[in-house]
Amino acid sequence: MPKNEIKSIDIMLDGKKIFISEVLFNDLFVLTNEFNIYRTKDQYFVQQWNSDGAGGYLIVWRIDNSGVKQRLILIP
């Protein structure tokens, strides 16, 4: 059984709260609190490696002021 899971995600850009639908994170488990944020013009890319030691995955979110544009998951 997973040790943790996401209950909610809060994102603020330029003082505006960005809504993240639960369907975009209710399947994510074994999370870390370490992530990298990259910005290109008006878009942000949030990258996070998650692992339980036996396996893991990389998730990348593409976000702009109107919300999440893309969610990518890589399982090596």
PDB file of N, CA and C in Angstrom:
ATOM      1  N   MET A   1       0.838  -1.185   0.000  1.00  0.00           N
ATOM      2  CA  MET A   1       0.000   0.000   0.000  1.00  0.00           C
ATOM      3  C   MET A   1       0.881   1.247   0.000  1.00  0.00           C
ATOM      4  N   PRO A   2       0.474   2.277  -0.749  1.00  0.00           N
ATOM      5  CA  PRO A   2       1.232   3.536  -0.753  1.00  0.00           C
ATOM      6  C   PRO A   2       1.261   4.169   0.640  1.00  0.00           C
ATOM      7  N   LYS A   3       2.376   4.823   0.950  1.00  0.00           N
ATOM      8  CA  LYS A   3       2.527   5.480   2.245  1.00  0.00           C
ATOM      9  C   LYS A   3       1.871   6.852   2.269  1.00  0.00           C
ATOM     10  N   ASN A   4       1.743   7.487   1.100  1.00  0.00           N
ATOM     11  CA  ASN A   4       1.110   8.796   1.042  1.00  0.00           C
ATOM     12  C   ASN A   4       0.468   9.020  -0.321  1.00  0.00           C
ATOM     13  N   GLU A   5      -0.365  10.034  -0.379  1.00  0.00           N
ATOM     14  CA  GLU A   5      -1.008  10.415  -1.626  1.00  0.00           C
ATOM     15  C   GLU A   5      -1.346  11.899  -1.566  1.00  0.00           C
ATOM     16  N   ILE A   6      -1.634  12.494  -2.708  1.00  0.00           N
ATOM     17  CA  ILE A   6      -1.983  13.907  -2.769  1.00  0.00           C
ATOM     18  C   ILE A   6      -3.463  14.068  -2.443  1.00  0.00           C
ATOM     19  N   LYS A   7      -3.758  14.973  -1.535  1.00  0.00           N
ATOM     20  CA  LYS A   7      -5.152  15.314  -1.207  1.00  0.00           C
ATOM     21  C   LYS A   7      -5.586  16.566  -1.956  1.00  0.00           C
ATOM     22  N   SER A   8      -4.637  17.485  -2.194  1.00  0.00           N
ATOM     23  CA  SER A   8      -4.938  18.710  -2.934  1.00  0.00           C
ATOM     24  C   SER A   8      -3.630  19.339  -3.403  1.00  0.00           C
ATOM     25  N   ILE A   9      -3.749  20.212  -4.397  1.00  0.00           N
ATOM     26  CA  ILE A   9      -2.608  20.972  -4.900  1.00  0.00           C
ATOM     27  C   ILE A   9      -3.043  22.434  -4.960  1.00  0.00           C
ATOM     28  N   ASP A  10      -2.225  23.306  -4.381  1.00  0.00           N
ATOM     29  CA  ASP A  10      -2.488  24.738  -4.424  1.00  0.00           C
ATOM     30  C   ASP A  10      -1.385  25.422  -5.208  1.00  0.00           C
ATOM     31  N   ILE A  11      -1.764  26.169  -6.237  1.00  0.00           N
ATOM     32  CA  ILE A  11      -0.812  26.909  -7.056  1.00  0.00           C
ATOM     33  C   ILE A  11      -1.296  28.346  -7.171  1.00  0.00           C
ATOM     34  N   MET A  12      -0.381  29.281  -6.942  1.00  0.00           N
ATOM     35  CA  MET A  12      -0.673  30.706  -7.108  1.00  0.00           C
ATOM     36  C   MET A  12       0.292  31.276  -8.139  1.00  0.00           C
ATOM     37  N   LEU A  13      -0.243  31.927  -9.174  1.00  0.00           N
ATOM     38  CA  LEU A  13       0.567  32.620 -10.177  1.00  0.00           C
ATOM     39  C   LEU A  13       0.073  34.051 -10.276  1.00  0.00           C
ATOM     40  N   ASP A  14       0.966  34.987 -10.056  1.00  0.00           N
ATOM     41  CA  ASP A  14       0.623  36.412 -10.113  1.00  0.00           C
ATOM     42  C   ASP A  14      -0.591  36.741  -9.251  1.00  0.00           C
ATOM     43  N   GLY A  15      -0.665  36.122  -8.063  1.00  0.00           N
ATOM     44  CA  GLY A  15      -1.757  36.388  -7.143  1.00  0.00           C
ATOM     45  C   GLY A  15      -3.062  35.698  -7.483  1.00  0.00           C
ATOM     46  N   LYS A  16      -3.072  34.877  -8.523  1.00  0.00           N
ATOM     47  CA  LYS A  16      -4.279  34.179  -8.952  1.00  0.00           C
ATOM     48  C   LYS A  16      -4.150  32.694  -8.629  1.00  0.00           C
ATOM     49  N   LYS A  17      -5.182  32.119  -7.984  1.00  0.00           N
ATOM     50  CA  LYS A  17      -5.162  30.696  -7.668  1.00  0.00           C
ATOM     51  C   LYS A  17      -5.477  29.891  -8.926  1.00  0.00           C
ATOM     52  N   ILE A  18      -4.645  28.895  -9.198  1.00  0.00           N
ATOM     53  CA  ILE A  18      -4.819  28.021 -10.365  1.00  0.00           C
ATOM     54  C   ILE A  18      -5.499  26.741  -9.902  1.00  0.00           C
ATOM     55  N   PHE A  19      -6.647  26.440 -10.480  1.00  0.00           N
ATOM     56  CA  PHE A  19      -7.406  25.238 -10.124  1.00  0.00           C
ATOM     57  C   PHE A  19      -6.762  24.013 -10.764  1.00  0.00           C
ATOM     58  N   ILE A  20      -6.599  22.953  -9.980  1.00  0.00           N
ATOM     59  CA  ILE A  20      -6.095  21.666 -10.461  1.00  0.00           C
ATOM     60  C   ILE A  20      -7.171  20.624 -10.190  1.00  0.00           C
ATOM     61  N   SER A  21      -7.699  20.036 -11.243  1.00  0.00           N
ATOM     62  CA  SER A  21      -8.724  19.008 -11.098  1.00  0.00           C
ATOM     63  C   SER A  21      -8.162  17.773 -10.398  1.00  0.00           C
ATOM     64  N   GLU A  22      -8.957  17.193  -9.518  1.00  0.00           N
ATOM     65  CA  GLU A  22      -8.524  16.001  -8.778  1.00  0.00           C
ATOM     66  C   GLU A  22      -8.167  14.847  -9.712  1.00  0.00           C
ATOM     67  N   VAL A  23      -8.784  14.782 -10.856  1.00  0.00           N
ATOM     68  CA  VAL A  23      -8.494  13.697 -11.795  1.00  0.00           C
ATOM     69  C   VAL A  23      -7.031  13.738 -12.260  1.00  0.00           C
ATOM     70  N   LEU A  24      -6.376  14.901 -12.144  1.00  0.00           N
ATOM     71  CA  LEU A  24      -4.980  15.027 -12.556  1.00  0.00           C
ATOM     72  C   LEU A  24      -3.980  14.585 -11.496  1.00  0.00           C
ATOM     73  N   PHE A  25      -4.445  14.328 -10.263  1.00  0.00           N
ATOM     74  CA  PHE A  25      -3.494  13.907  -9.230  1.00  0.00           C
ATOM     75  C   PHE A  25      -3.977  12.756  -8.362  1.00  0.00           C
ATOM     76  N   ASN A  26      -5.194  12.261  -8.547  1.00  0.00           N
ATOM     77  CA  ASN A  26      -5.685  11.204  -7.654  1.00  0.00           C
ATOM     78  C   ASN A  26      -5.036   9.838  -7.914  1.00  0.00           C
ATOM     79  N   ASP A  27      -4.220   9.730  -8.945  1.00  0.00           N
ATOM     80  CA  ASP A  27      -3.518   8.472  -9.217  1.00  0.00           C
ATOM     81  C   ASP A  27      -2.024   8.551  -8.885  1.00  0.00           C
ATOM     82  N   LEU A  28      -1.604   9.600  -8.177  1.00  0.00           N
ATOM     83  CA  LEU A  28      -0.197   9.788  -7.838  1.00  0.00           C
ATOM     84  C   LEU A  28       0.062   9.373  -6.394  1.00  0.00           C
ATOM     85  N   PHE A  29       1.077   8.543  -6.200  1.00  0.00           N
ATOM     86  CA  PHE A  29       1.419   8.038  -4.873  1.00  0.00           C
ATOM     87  C   PHE A  29       2.934   8.060  -4.676  1.00  0.00           C
ATOM     88  N   VAL A  30       3.375   7.750  -3.475  1.00  0.00           N
ATOM     89  CA  VAL A  30       4.795   7.667  -3.104  1.00  0.00           C
ATOM     90  C   VAL A  30       5.490   8.972  -3.511  1.00  0.00           C
ATOM     91  N   LEU A  31       5.031  10.063  -2.945  1.00  0.00           N
ATOM     92  CA  LEU A  31       5.500  11.384  -3.342  1.00  0.00           C
ATOM     93  C   LEU A  31       6.647  11.890  -2.487  1.00  0.00           C
ATOM     94  N   THR A  32       7.433  12.764  -3.079  1.00  0.00           N
ATOM     95  CA  THR A  32       8.460  13.491  -2.345  1.00  0.00           C
ATOM     96  C   THR A  32       8.049  14.952  -2.306  1.00  0.00           C
ATOM     97  N   ASN A  33       8.678  15.717  -1.458  1.00  0.00           N
ATOM     98  CA  ASN A  33       8.409  17.157  -1.414  1.00  0.00           C
ATOM     99  C   ASN A  33       9.492  17.935  -2.149  1.00  0.00           C
ATOM    100  N   GLU A  34      10.251  17.252  -2.964  1.00  0.00           N
ATOM    101  CA  GLU A  34      11.310  17.894  -3.731  1.00  0.00           C
ATOM    102  C   GLU A  34      10.895  18.000  -5.190  1.00  0.00           C
ATOM    103  N   PHE A  35      10.996  19.219  -5.733  1.00  0.00           N
ATOM    104  CA  PHE A  35      10.651  19.427  -7.129  1.00  0.00           C
ATOM    105  C   PHE A  35      11.439  20.598  -7.676  1.00  0.00           C
ATOM    106  N   ASN A  36      11.509  20.682  -8.992  1.00  0.00           N
ATOM    107  CA  ASN A  36      12.171  21.782  -9.688  1.00  0.00           C
ATOM    108  C   ASN A  36      11.130  22.525 -10.510  1.00  0.00           C
ATOM    109  N   ILE A  37      11.282  23.836 -10.584  1.00  0.00           N
ATOM    110  CA  ILE A  37      10.379  24.664 -11.373  1.00  0.00           C
ATOM    111  C   ILE A  37      11.209  25.412 -12.408  1.00  0.00           C
ATOM    112  N   TYR A  38      10.790  25.319 -13.665  1.00  0.00           N
ATOM    113  CA  TYR A  38      11.439  26.010 -14.767  1.00  0.00           C
ATOM    114  C   TYR A  38      10.417  26.921 -15.425  1.00  0.00           C
ATOM    115  N   ARG A  39      10.875  28.080 -15.875  1.00  0.00           N
ATOM    116  CA  ARG A  39       9.964  29.032 -16.511  1.00  0.00           C
ATOM    117  C   ARG A  39      10.484  29.403 -17.890  1.00  0.00           C
ATOM    118  N   THR A  40       9.578  29.413 -18.867  1.00  0.00           N
ATOM    119  CA  THR A  40       9.866  29.921 -20.195  1.00  0.00           C
ATOM    120  C   THR A  40       8.705  30.836 -20.572  1.00  0.00           C
ATOM    121  N   LYS A  41       9.002  32.120 -20.683  1.00  0.00           N
ATOM    122  CA  LYS A  41       7.991  33.150 -20.968  1.00  0.00           C
ATOM    123  C   LYS A  41       6.853  33.047 -19.973  1.00  0.00           C
ATOM    124  N   ASP A  42       5.649  32.704 -20.415  1.00  0.00           N
ATOM    125  CA  ASP A  42       4.490  32.667 -19.517  1.00  0.00           C
ATOM    126  C   ASP A  42       4.109  31.252 -19.094  1.00  0.00           C
ATOM    127  N   GLN A  43       5.003  30.288 -19.306  1.00  0.00           N
ATOM    128  CA  GLN A  43       4.719  28.914 -18.932  1.00  0.00           C
ATOM    129  C   GLN A  43       5.714  28.420 -17.888  1.00  0.00           C
ATOM    130  N   TYR A  44       5.211  27.573 -17.018  1.00  0.00           N
ATOM    131  CA  TYR A  44       6.026  26.963 -15.965  1.00  0.00           C
ATOM    132  C   TYR A  44       6.000  25.456 -16.140  1.00  0.00           C
ATOM    133  N   PHE A  45       7.144  24.844 -15.886  1.00  0.00           N
ATOM    134  CA  PHE A  45       7.265  23.397 -15.916  1.00  0.00           C
ATOM    135  C   PHE A  45       7.707  22.959 -14.521  1.00  0.00           C
ATOM    136  N   VAL A  46       6.913  22.123 -13.892  1.00  0.00           N
ATOM    137  CA  VAL A  46       7.209  21.628 -12.555  1.00  0.00           C
ATOM    138  C   VAL A  46       7.565  20.155 -12.682  1.00  0.00           C
ATOM    139  N   GLN A  47       8.753  19.798 -12.234  1.00  0.00           N
ATOM    140  CA  GLN A  47       9.278  18.439 -12.383  1.00  0.00           C
ATOM    141  C   GLN A  47       9.489  17.830 -11.006  1.00  0.00           C
ATOM    142  N   GLN A  48       9.061  16.572 -10.850  1.00  0.00           N
ATOM    143  CA  GLN A  48       9.212  15.890  -9.565  1.00  0.00           C
ATOM    144  C   GLN A  48       9.459  14.397  -9.793  1.00  0.00           C
ATOM    145  N   TRP A  49      10.524  13.875  -9.167  1.00  0.00           N
ATOM    146  CA  TRP A  49      10.790  12.438  -9.149  1.00  0.00           C
ATOM    147  C   TRP A  49      10.151  11.855  -7.902  1.00  0.00           C
ATOM    148  N   ASN A  50       9.433  10.758  -8.048  1.00  0.00           N
ATOM    149  CA  ASN A  50       8.796  10.085  -6.916  1.00  0.00           C
ATOM    150  C   ASN A  50       9.192   8.614  -6.953  1.00  0.00           C
ATOM    151  N   SER A  51       9.472   8.048  -5.762  1.00  0.00           N
ATOM    152  CA  SER A  51       9.936   6.673  -5.702  1.00  0.00           C
ATOM    153  C   SER A  51       9.721   6.093  -4.316  1.00  0.00           C
ATOM    154  N   ASP A  52       9.528   4.768  -4.282  1.00  0.00           N
ATOM    155  CA  ASP A  52       9.466   4.060  -2.996  1.00  0.00           C
ATOM    156  C   ASP A  52      10.739   3.256  -2.750  1.00  0.00           C
ATOM    157  N   GLY A  53      11.741   3.455  -3.606  1.00  0.00           N
ATOM    158  CA  GLY A  53      13.002   2.733  -3.481  1.00  0.00           C
ATOM    159  C   GLY A  53      13.075   1.536  -4.408  1.00  0.00           C
ATOM    160  N   ALA A  54      11.949   0.923  -4.716  1.00  0.00           N
ATOM    161  CA  ALA A  54      11.918  -0.237  -5.608  1.00  0.00           C
ATOM    162  C   ALA A  54      11.564   0.169  -7.039  1.00  0.00           C
ATOM    163  N   GLY A  55      10.887   1.258  -7.186  1.00  0.00           N
ATOM    164  CA  GLY A  55      10.471   1.756  -8.492  1.00  0.00           C
ATOM    165  C   GLY A  55      10.144   3.225  -8.363  1.00  0.00           C
ATOM    166  N   GLY A  56      10.006   3.891  -9.467  1.00  0.00           N
ATOM    167  CA  GLY A  56       9.709   5.306  -9.391  1.00  0.00           C
ATOM    168  C   GLY A  56       9.189   5.840 -10.709  1.00  0.00           C
ATOM    169  N   TYR A  57       8.892   7.130 -10.700  1.00  0.00           N
ATOM    170  CA  TYR A  57       8.409   7.783 -11.908  1.00  0.00           C
ATOM    171  C   TYR A  57       8.711   9.276 -11.832  1.00  0.00           C
ATOM    172  N   LEU A  58       8.763   9.901 -12.990  1.00  0.00           N
ATOM    173  CA  LEU A  58       8.952  11.334 -13.120  1.00  0.00           C
ATOM    174  C   LEU A  58       7.633  11.932 -13.571  1.00  0.00           C
ATOM    175  N   ILE A  59       7.211  13.009 -12.934  1.00  0.00           N
ATOM    176  CA  ILE A  59       6.029  13.725 -13.386  1.00  0.00           C
ATOM    177  C   ILE A  59       6.439  15.147 -13.733  1.00  0.00           C
ATOM    178  N   VAL A  60       5.919  15.648 -14.856  1.00  0.00           N
ATOM    179  CA  VAL A  60       6.157  17.023 -15.285  1.00  0.00           C
ATOM    180  C   VAL A  60       4.807  17.659 -15.561  1.00  0.00           C
ATOM    181  N   TRP A  61       4.584  18.804 -14.928  1.00  0.00           N
ATOM    182  CA  TRP A  61       3.365  19.582 -15.149  1.00  0.00           C
ATOM    183  C   TRP A  61       3.728  20.797 -15.991  1.00  0.00           C
ATOM    184  N   ARG A  62       2.908  21.125 -17.001  1.00  0.00           N
ATOM    185  CA  ARG A  62       3.055  22.366 -17.769  1.00  0.00           C
ATOM    186  C   ARG A  62       1.882  23.247 -17.387  1.00  0.00           C
ATOM    187  N   ILE A  63       2.189  24.418 -16.837  1.00  0.00           N
ATOM    188  CA  ILE A  63       1.170  25.286 -16.252  1.00  0.00           C
ATOM    189  C   ILE A  63       1.347  26.709 -16.764  1.00  0.00           C
ATOM    190  N   ASP A  64       0.212  27.384 -17.021  1.00  0.00           N
ATOM    191  CA  ASP A  64       0.262  28.818 -17.283  1.00  0.00           C
ATOM    192  C   ASP A  64      -0.840  29.492 -16.463  1.00  0.00           C
ATOM    193  N   ASN A  65      -1.065  30.766 -16.674  1.00  0.00           N
ATOM    194  CA  ASN A  65      -2.029  31.507 -15.860  1.00  0.00           C
ATOM    195  C   ASN A  65      -3.463  31.002 -15.974  1.00  0.00           C
ATOM    196  N   SER A  66      -3.769  30.247 -17.013  1.00  0.00           N
ATOM    197  CA  SER A  66      -5.132  29.727 -17.162  1.00  0.00           C
ATOM    198  C   SER A  66      -5.300  28.319 -16.596  1.00  0.00           C
ATOM    199  N   GLY A  67      -4.201  27.682 -16.153  1.00  0.00           N
ATOM    200  CA  GLY A  67      -4.313  26.364 -15.532  1.00  0.00           C
ATOM    201  C   GLY A  67      -3.285  25.372 -16.029  1.00  0.00           C
ATOM    202  N   VAL A  68      -3.540  24.111 -15.716  1.00  0.00           N
ATOM    203  CA  VAL A  68      -2.652  23.028 -16.146  1.00  0.00           C
ATOM    204  C   VAL A  68      -2.920  22.741 -17.617  1.00  0.00           C
ATOM    205  N   LYS A  69      -1.879  22.786 -18.405  1.00  0.00           N
ATOM    206  CA  LYS A  69      -1.986  22.523 -19.838  1.00  0.00           C
ATOM    207  C   LYS A  69      -1.625  21.095 -20.185  1.00  0.00           C
ATOM    208  N   GLN A  70      -0.767  20.486 -19.368  1.00  0.00           N
ATOM    209  CA  GLN A  70      -0.309  19.132 -19.684  1.00  0.00           C
ATOM    210  C   GLN A  70       0.290  18.495 -18.442  1.00  0.00           C
ATOM    211  N   ARG A  71       0.121  17.188 -18.346  1.00  0.00           N
ATOM    212  CA  ARG A  71       0.732  16.399 -17.281  1.00  0.00           C
ATOM    213  C   ARG A  71       1.389  15.197 -17.957  1.00  0.00           C
ATOM    214  N   LEU A  72       2.676  15.062 -17.751  1.00  0.00           N
ATOM    215  CA  LEU A  72       3.413  13.953 -18.363  1.00  0.00           C
ATOM    216  C   LEU A  72       3.991  13.075 -17.263  1.00  0.00           C
ATOM    217  N   ILE A  73       3.907  11.768 -17.443  1.00  0.00           N
ATOM    218  CA  ILE A  73       4.491  10.820 -16.495  1.00  0.00           C
ATOM    219  C   ILE A  73       5.416   9.896 -17.261  1.00  0.00           C
ATOM    220  N   LEU A  74       6.644   9.768 -16.759  1.00  0.00           N
ATOM    221  CA  LEU A  74       7.631   8.874 -17.353  1.00  0.00           C
ATOM    222  C   LEU A  74       7.984   7.810 -16.329  1.00  0.00           C
ATOM    223  N   ILE A  75       7.842   6.563 -16.720  1.00  0.00           N
ATOM    224  CA  ILE A  75       8.240   5.443 -15.868  1.00  0.00           C
ATOM    225  C   ILE A  75       9.443   4.796 -16.527  1.00  0.00           C
ATOM    226  N   PRO A  76      10.650   4.991 -15.948  1.00  0.00           N
ATOM    227  CA  PRO A  76      11.852   4.466 -16.581  1.00  0.00           C
ATOM    228  C   PRO A  76      11.943   2.951 -16.533  1.00  0.00           C
TER     229      PRO A  76
END
